[in-house]
Amino acid sequence: MIAGTKLGKVFKELRKAGYVVRANFKCCGSCAGSAIANEISEKIDKAKAAGKEPTLPKGSIFYHQQDAEGIRAAYGRNGYDPKAKLYLKFGPVHTKHGEIGKPSVQAGQDLFYALQAAGIEVEWDGNENQCVAVKIASAFSDVATKAA
């Protein structure tokens, strides 16, 4: 669903920049956050056991399966509902090793500016306790349509 879209391109760029990024991941925000934290904790444990310094992420960015249901529901006969939004979660990863990554506001800014640069309609007031909202129609449009 995300490959070849503007949002897919942004997610790929954020992964390259050091974020843990997931699309349609786990059932809800709590399960997704916990799974990412466990994944990072395991990587840290393995690196330490091997006597290596672990590579730490800048934070996490994701939407979960309940969000993905909203994406599907927003698609109709004429394409995506222009008012429909997807809410992206972001912030540091809370692991058994402590909080890892940039502070929430900085992670939110990185996400917000990357989305804007890709031509995605985005809303966020800078509040670390609020998700970054993207207009589904602009986020899931084909990357090739941006050049048109």
C-alpha atoms as a PDB file:
ATOM      1  CA  MET A   1       0.000   0.000   0.000  1.00  0.00           C
ATOM      2  CA  ILE A   2       2.845   2.415   0.746  1.00  0.00           C
ATOM      3  CA  ALA A   3       5.442   1.473  -1.919  1.00  0.00           C
ATOM      4  CA  GLY A   4       5.647   3.983  -4.754  1.00  0.00           C
ATOM      5  CA  THR A   5       3.779   6.685  -2.836  1.00  0.00           C
ATOM      6  CA  LYS A   6       5.005   9.997  -1.522  1.00  0.00           C
ATOM      7  CA  LEU A   7       4.663   8.691   2.019  1.00  0.00           C
ATOM      8  CA  GLY A   8       6.663   5.596   1.090  1.00  0.00           C
ATOM      9  CA  LYS A   9       9.449   7.817  -0.214  1.00  0.00           C
ATOM     10  CA  VAL A  10       9.482   9.887   2.995  1.00  0.00           C
ATOM     11  CA  PHE A  11       9.534   6.747   5.153  1.00  0.00           C
ATOM     12  CA  LYS A  12      12.485   5.417   3.162  1.00  0.00           C
ATOM     13  CA  GLU A  13      14.384   8.699   3.618  1.00  0.00           C
ATOM     14  CA  LEU A  14      13.682   8.738   7.361  1.00  0.00           C
ATOM     15  CA  ARG A  15      14.961   5.146   7.675  1.00  0.00           C
ATOM     16  CA  LYS A  16      18.175   6.170   5.921  1.00  0.00           C
ATOM     17  CA  ALA A  17      18.423   9.109   8.340  1.00  0.00           C
ATOM     18  CA  GLY A  18      18.417   6.694  11.287  1.00  0.00           C
ATOM     19  CA  TYR A  19      14.798   6.393  12.371  1.00  0.00           C
ATOM     20  CA  VAL A  20      12.942   3.149  12.989  1.00  0.00           C
ATOM     21  CA  VAL A  21       9.987   3.560  10.624  1.00  0.00           C
ATOM     22  CA  ARG A  22       7.001   1.230  10.334  1.00  0.00           C
ATOM     23  CA  ALA A  23       3.851   1.285   8.224  1.00  0.00           C
ATOM     24  CA  ASN A  24       0.712  -0.704   9.079  1.00  0.00           C
ATOM     25  CA  PHE A  25       2.598  -2.088  12.068  1.00  0.00           C
ATOM     26  CA  LYS A  26       0.868  -4.044  14.836  1.00  0.00           C
ATOM     27  CA  CYS A  27      -2.735  -3.595  15.926  1.00  0.00           C
ATOM     28  CA  CYS A  28      -2.473  -0.346  17.874  1.00  0.00           C
ATOM     29  CA  GLY A  29      -0.103   2.333  19.113  1.00  0.00           C
ATOM     30  CA  SER A  30       0.688   0.565  22.380  1.00  0.00           C
ATOM     31  CA  CYS A  31       1.570  -2.730  20.710  1.00  0.00           C
ATOM     32  CA  ALA A  32       3.588  -0.988  17.992  1.00  0.00           C
ATOM     33  CA  GLY A  33       5.559   1.103  20.484  1.00  0.00           C
ATOM     34  CA  SER A  34       6.248  -1.929  22.647  1.00  0.00           C
ATOM     35  CA  ALA A  35       7.360  -4.053  19.689  1.00  0.00           C
ATOM     36  CA  ILE A  36       9.750  -1.340  18.471  1.00  0.00           C
ATOM     37  CA  ALA A  37      11.168  -0.946  21.987  1.00  0.00           C
ATOM     38  CA  ASN A  38      11.704  -4.703  22.295  1.00  0.00           C
ATOM     39  CA  GLU A  39      13.366  -4.825  18.866  1.00  0.00           C
ATOM     40  CA  ILE A  40      15.788  -2.036  19.778  1.00  0.00           C
ATOM     41  CA  SER A  41      16.512  -3.576  23.195  1.00  0.00           C
ATOM     42  CA  GLU A  42      17.374  -6.919  21.542  1.00  0.00           C
ATOM     43  CA  LYS A  43      19.717  -5.203  19.074  1.00  0.00           C
ATOM     44  CA  ILE A  44      21.454  -3.394  21.918  1.00  0.00           C
ATOM     45  CA  ASP A  45      21.780  -6.620  23.921  1.00  0.00           C
ATOM     46  CA  LYS A  46      23.218  -8.496  20.930  1.00  0.00           C
ATOM     47  CA  ALA A  47      25.724  -5.747  20.150  1.00  0.00           C
ATOM     48  CA  LYS A  48      26.869  -5.552  23.761  1.00  0.00           C
ATOM     49  CA  ALA A  49      27.160  -9.351  23.987  1.00  0.00           C
ATOM     50  CA  ALA A  50      29.395  -9.248  20.910  1.00  0.00           C
ATOM     51  CA  GLY A  51      31.525  -6.529  22.495  1.00  0.00           C
ATOM     52  CA  LYS A  52      30.359  -3.928  19.986  1.00  0.00           C
ATOM     53  CA  GLU A  53      28.900  -0.480  20.405  1.00  0.00           C
ATOM     54  CA  PRO A  54      25.213  -0.610  19.368  1.00  0.00           C
ATOM     55  CA  THR A  55      23.892   1.623  16.628  1.00  0.00           C
ATOM     56  CA  LEU A  56      21.099   3.622  18.203  1.00  0.00           C
ATOM     57  CA  PRO A  57      18.122   5.003  16.274  1.00  0.00           C
ATOM     58  CA  LYS A  58      17.133   8.658  16.225  1.00  0.00           C
ATOM     59  CA  GLY A  59      13.646   7.596  17.286  1.00  0.00           C
ATOM     60  CA  SER A  60      10.579   5.931  15.847  1.00  0.00           C
ATOM     61  CA  ILE A  61       7.886   6.926  13.374  1.00  0.00           C
ATOM     62  CA  PHE A  62       4.926   4.726  12.575  1.00  0.00           C
ATOM     63  CA  TYR A  63       1.265   4.145  11.947  1.00  0.00           C
ATOM     64  CA  HIS A  64      -0.517   0.964  12.991  1.00  0.00           C
ATOM     65  CA  GLN A  65      -3.122  -1.420  11.561  1.00  0.00           C
ATOM     66  CA  GLN A  66      -6.084   0.537  12.926  1.00  0.00           C
ATOM     67  CA  ASP A  67      -4.737   3.565  11.058  1.00  0.00           C
ATOM     68  CA  ALA A  68      -4.366   1.477   7.906  1.00  0.00           C
ATOM     69  CA  GLU A  69      -8.055   0.558   8.138  1.00  0.00           C
ATOM     70  CA  GLY A  70      -8.801   4.286   7.982  1.00  0.00           C
ATOM     71  CA  ILE A  71      -6.693   4.591   4.845  1.00  0.00           C
ATOM     72  CA  ARG A  72      -8.683   1.829   3.153  1.00  0.00           C
ATOM     73  CA  ALA A  73     -11.968   3.361   4.308  1.00  0.00           C
ATOM     74  CA  ALA A  74     -10.961   6.739   2.825  1.00  0.00           C
ATOM     75  CA  TYR A  75     -10.718   5.248  -0.667  1.00  0.00           C
ATOM     76  CA  GLY A  76     -13.855   5.462  -2.773  1.00  0.00           C
ATOM     77  CA  ARG A  77     -15.045   5.517  -6.353  1.00  0.00           C
ATOM     78  CA  ASN A  78     -13.297   8.836  -7.027  1.00  0.00           C
ATOM     79  CA  GLY A  79     -10.054   8.051  -5.201  1.00  0.00           C
ATOM     80  CA  TYR A  80      -9.169   9.137  -1.683  1.00  0.00           C
ATOM     81  CA  ASP A  81     -11.438  11.419   0.311  1.00  0.00           C
ATOM     82  CA  PRO A  82      -9.633  14.789   0.223  1.00  0.00           C
ATOM     83  CA  LYS A  83     -10.490  15.434   3.900  1.00  0.00           C
ATOM     84  CA  ALA A  84      -9.311  12.070   5.271  1.00  0.00           C
ATOM     85  CA  LYS A  85      -6.203  12.105   7.463  1.00  0.00           C
ATOM     86  CA  LEU A  86      -3.618   9.634   8.674  1.00  0.00           C
ATOM     87  CA  TYR A  87      -2.053  10.262  12.076  1.00  0.00           C
ATOM     88  CA  LEU A  88       1.647   9.441  12.376  1.00  0.00           C
ATOM     89  CA  LYS A  89       3.199   8.687  15.747  1.00  0.00           C
ATOM     90  CA  PHE A  90       6.769   9.736  16.488  1.00  0.00           C
ATOM     91  CA  GLY A  91       9.314  10.167  19.236  1.00  0.00           C
ATOM     92  CA  PRO A  92      12.132   8.504  21.128  1.00  0.00           C
ATOM     93  CA  VAL A  93      12.028   4.768  21.796  1.00  0.00           C
ATOM     94  CA  HIS A  94      11.443   3.832  25.448  1.00  0.00           C
ATOM     95  CA  THR A  95      13.514   0.678  25.978  1.00  0.00           C
ATOM     96  CA  LYS A  96      14.731  -1.255  28.989  1.00  0.00           C
ATOM     97  CA  HIS A  97      18.010   0.616  28.376  1.00  0.00           C
ATOM     98  CA  GLY A  98      16.286   3.980  28.748  1.00  0.00           C
ATOM     99  CA  GLU A  99      14.933   6.525  26.318  1.00  0.00           C
ATOM    100  CA  ILE A 100      16.723   6.351  22.978  1.00  0.00           C
ATOM    101  CA  GLY A 101      16.545   8.933  20.229  1.00  0.00           C
ATOM    102  CA  LYS A 102      15.836  12.587  19.764  1.00  0.00           C
ATOM    103  CA  PRO A 103      13.342  14.363  21.996  1.00  0.00           C
ATOM    104  CA  SER A 104       9.769  14.087  20.698  1.00  0.00           C
ATOM    105  CA  VAL A 105       9.564  17.641  19.380  1.00  0.00           C
ATOM    106  CA  GLN A 106      12.750  17.230  17.333  1.00  0.00           C
ATOM    107  CA  ALA A 107      11.564  13.893  15.907  1.00  0.00           C
ATOM    108  CA  GLY A 108       8.224  15.511  15.068  1.00  0.00           C
ATOM    109  CA  GLN A 109       9.987  18.375  13.312  1.00  0.00           C
ATOM    110  CA  ASP A 110      12.107  15.968  11.259  1.00  0.00           C
ATOM    111  CA  LEU A 111       8.954  14.113  10.226  1.00  0.00           C
ATOM    112  CA  PHE A 112       6.954  17.271   9.537  1.00  0.00           C
ATOM    113  CA  TYR A 113       9.621  18.878   7.349  1.00  0.00           C
ATOM    114  CA  ALA A 114      10.303  15.659   5.422  1.00  0.00           C
ATOM    115  CA  LEU A 115       6.591  15.326   4.648  1.00  0.00           C
ATOM    116  CA  GLN A 116       6.349  18.955   3.546  1.00  0.00           C
ATOM    117  CA  ALA A 117       9.427  18.609   1.322  1.00  0.00           C
ATOM    118  CA  ALA A 118       7.756  15.649  -0.408  1.00  0.00           C
ATOM    119  CA  GLY A 119       4.677  17.731  -1.224  1.00  0.00           C
ATOM    120  CA  ILE A 120       2.413  16.020   1.301  1.00  0.00           C
ATOM    121  CA  GLU A 121      -0.297  18.115   2.931  1.00  0.00           C
ATOM    122  CA  VAL A 122       0.548  17.966   6.619  1.00  0.00           C
ATOM    123  CA  GLU A 123      -0.791  19.433   9.851  1.00  0.00           C
ATOM    124  CA  TRP A 124       1.027  19.652  13.159  1.00  0.00           C
ATOM    125  CA  ASP A 125       1.098  22.391  15.770  1.00  0.00           C
ATOM    126  CA  GLY A 126       4.524  21.453  17.169  1.00  0.00           C
ATOM    127  CA  ASN A 127       3.030  19.771  20.235  1.00  0.00           C
ATOM    128  CA  GLU A 128       4.967  16.631  21.160  1.00  0.00           C
ATOM    129  CA  ASN A 129       1.749  15.058  22.458  1.00  0.00           C
ATOM    130  CA  GLN A 130      -0.044  15.399  19.110  1.00  0.00           C
ATOM    131  CA  CYS A 131       0.390  13.152  16.104  1.00  0.00           C
ATOM    132  CA  VAL A 132       1.471  14.586  12.772  1.00  0.00           C
ATOM    133  CA  ALA A 133      -1.602  14.484  10.513  1.00  0.00           C
ATOM    134  CA  VAL A 134      -1.226  13.957   6.789  1.00  0.00           C
ATOM    135  CA  LYS A 135      -3.914  14.209   4.157  1.00  0.00           C
ATOM    136  CA  ILE A 136      -4.263  10.667   2.877  1.00  0.00           C
ATOM    137  CA  ALA A 137      -4.944  11.793  -0.708  1.00  0.00           C
ATOM    138  CA  SER A 138      -1.641  13.671  -0.892  1.00  0.00           C
ATOM    139  CA  ALA A 139       0.391  11.087   1.060  1.00  0.00           C
ATOM    140  CA  PHE A 140      -0.698   8.110  -0.999  1.00  0.00           C
ATOM    141  CA  SER A 141      -0.514   9.739  -4.390  1.00  0.00           C
ATOM    142  CA  ASP A 142       2.085   8.344  -6.728  1.00  0.00           C
ATOM    143  CA  VAL A 143       5.567   9.867  -6.472  1.00  0.00           C
ATOM    144  CA  ALA A 144       5.537  10.442 -10.242  1.00  0.00           C
ATOM    145  CA  THR A 145       2.519  12.773  -9.973  1.00  0.00           C
ATOM    146  CA  LYS A 146       4.602  15.332  -8.044  1.00  0.00           C
ATOM    147  CA  ALA A 147       6.595  16.162 -11.175  1.00  0.00           C
ATOM    148  CA  ALA A 148       3.415  16.758 -13.220  1.00  0.00           C
END
